């Protein structure tokens, strides 16, 4: 009996779970700049200057990547942003 298929499955699973994911924030016409800045700071624990830059980028381009990293952290970041009904998407 060969153990190769099991080893391959485990390797594939590791690749899938360690692949960097991204949290994308979309622009809306509902929230103020201050609301978005505050929520970004809360979500990714960054300096105000970075949150302001991300807010301006999403305002001008319609979307921006606010975080890239492990999937679990992406889910957390997205959840914090969505607390005030900001629109997000996680991409792998």
Protein backbone atom coordinates (compact mmCIF):
# COMPACT_ATOMS: atom_id res chain seq x y z
CA UNK A 1 0.00 0.00 0.00
CA UNK A 2 1.44 3.36 -1.04
CA UNK A 3 1.18 6.52 1.05
CA UNK A 4 1.93 8.82 -1.87
CA UNK A 5 -1.66 10.01 -2.54
CA UNK A 6 -2.08 11.06 1.09
CA UNK A 7 1.21 12.95 0.99
CA UNK A 8 0.16 14.75 -2.19
CA UNK A 9 -3.20 15.71 -0.63
CA UNK A 10 -1.45 17.10 2.44
CA UNK A 11 0.97 19.11 0.31
CA UNK A 12 -1.87 20.54 -1.79
CA UNK A 13 -3.81 21.48 1.33
CA UNK A 14 -0.79 23.32 2.72
CA UNK A 15 -0.39 25.29 -0.50
CA UNK A 16 -4.05 26.29 -0.46
CA UNK A 17 -4.05 27.43 3.16
CA UNK A 18 -0.77 29.32 2.95
CA UNK A 19 -1.53 31.11 -0.29
CA UNK A 20 -1.68 34.86 0.32
CA UNK A 21 -5.17 36.28 0.22
CA UNK A 22 -6.24 39.92 -0.20
CA UNK A 23 -9.00 42.00 1.33
CA UNK A 24 -10.43 44.40 -1.21
CA UNK A 25 -12.44 47.40 -0.04
CA UNK A 26 -14.94 48.92 -2.45
CA UNK A 27 -16.02 52.54 -2.66
CA UNK A 28 -19.53 53.56 -1.71
CA UNK A 29 -21.42 56.80 -1.49
CA UNK A 30 -22.76 56.12 2.01
CA UNK A 31 -19.83 56.39 4.41
CA UNK A 32 -17.84 59.50 5.21
CA UNK A 33 -14.06 59.61 4.80
CA UNK A 34 -13.73 59.75 8.58
CA UNK A 35 -15.84 56.62 9.06
CA UNK A 36 -13.77 54.69 6.53
CA UNK A 37 -10.46 55.92 7.94
CA UNK A 38 -11.47 54.97 11.47
CA UNK A 39 -12.62 51.51 10.42
CA UNK A 40 -9.45 50.82 8.41
CA UNK A 41 -7.33 51.78 11.42
CA UNK A 42 -9.38 49.41 13.57
CA UNK A 43 -9.25 46.60 10.99
CA UNK A 44 -5.56 46.58 10.05
CA UNK A 45 -4.09 48.43 13.04
CA UNK A 46 -2.25 50.99 10.97
CA UNK A 47 -1.25 54.62 11.30
CA UNK A 48 -3.81 57.26 10.38
CA UNK A 49 -1.69 58.34 7.39
CA UNK A 50 -1.89 54.87 5.84
CA UNK A 51 -5.64 54.67 6.45
CA UNK A 52 -6.10 58.08 4.82
CA UNK A 53 -4.06 57.01 1.79
CA UNK A 54 -6.11 53.81 1.42
CA UNK A 55 -9.34 55.78 1.75
CA UNK A 56 -8.30 58.23 -0.97
CA UNK A 57 -7.25 55.34 -3.22
CA UNK A 58 -10.60 53.58 -2.84
CA UNK A 59 -12.37 56.90 -3.43
CA UNK A 60 -10.48 57.57 -6.68
CA UNK A 61 -10.21 54.05 -8.11
CA UNK A 62 -13.36 52.43 -6.76
CA UNK A 63 -11.49 49.74 -4.88
CA UNK A 64 -8.21 49.03 -3.13
CA UNK A 65 -6.39 46.22 -1.38
CA UNK A 66 -6.37 47.06 2.31
CA UNK A 67 -4.68 43.89 3.51
CA UNK A 68 -2.80 40.90 2.06
CA UNK A 69 -1.79 37.87 4.08
CA UNK A 70 -3.11 34.68 5.63
CA UNK A 71 -6.75 33.80 5.01
CA UNK A 72 -7.71 33.78 8.70
CA UNK A 73 -6.44 37.34 9.16
CA UNK A 74 -8.17 38.40 5.93
CA UNK A 75 -11.48 37.11 7.30
CA UNK A 76 -10.89 39.09 10.51
CA UNK A 77 -10.02 42.29 8.63
CA UNK A 78 -13.01 41.93 6.34
CA UNK A 79 -15.28 41.33 9.33
CA UNK A 80 -14.14 44.51 11.05
CA UNK A 81 -14.66 46.58 7.89
CA UNK A 82 -18.10 45.08 7.40
CA UNK A 83 -19.14 46.01 10.97
CA UNK A 84 -20.23 49.36 9.54
CA UNK A 85 -21.47 47.81 6.27
CA UNK A 86 -18.42 48.63 4.15
CA UNK A 87 -18.28 46.41 1.07
CA UNK A 88 -15.34 44.01 0.97
CA UNK A 89 -14.23 40.94 -0.90
CA UNK A 90 -11.52 38.40 -0.15
CA UNK A 91 -9.53 37.15 -3.13
CA UNK A 92 -7.03 34.34 -3.26
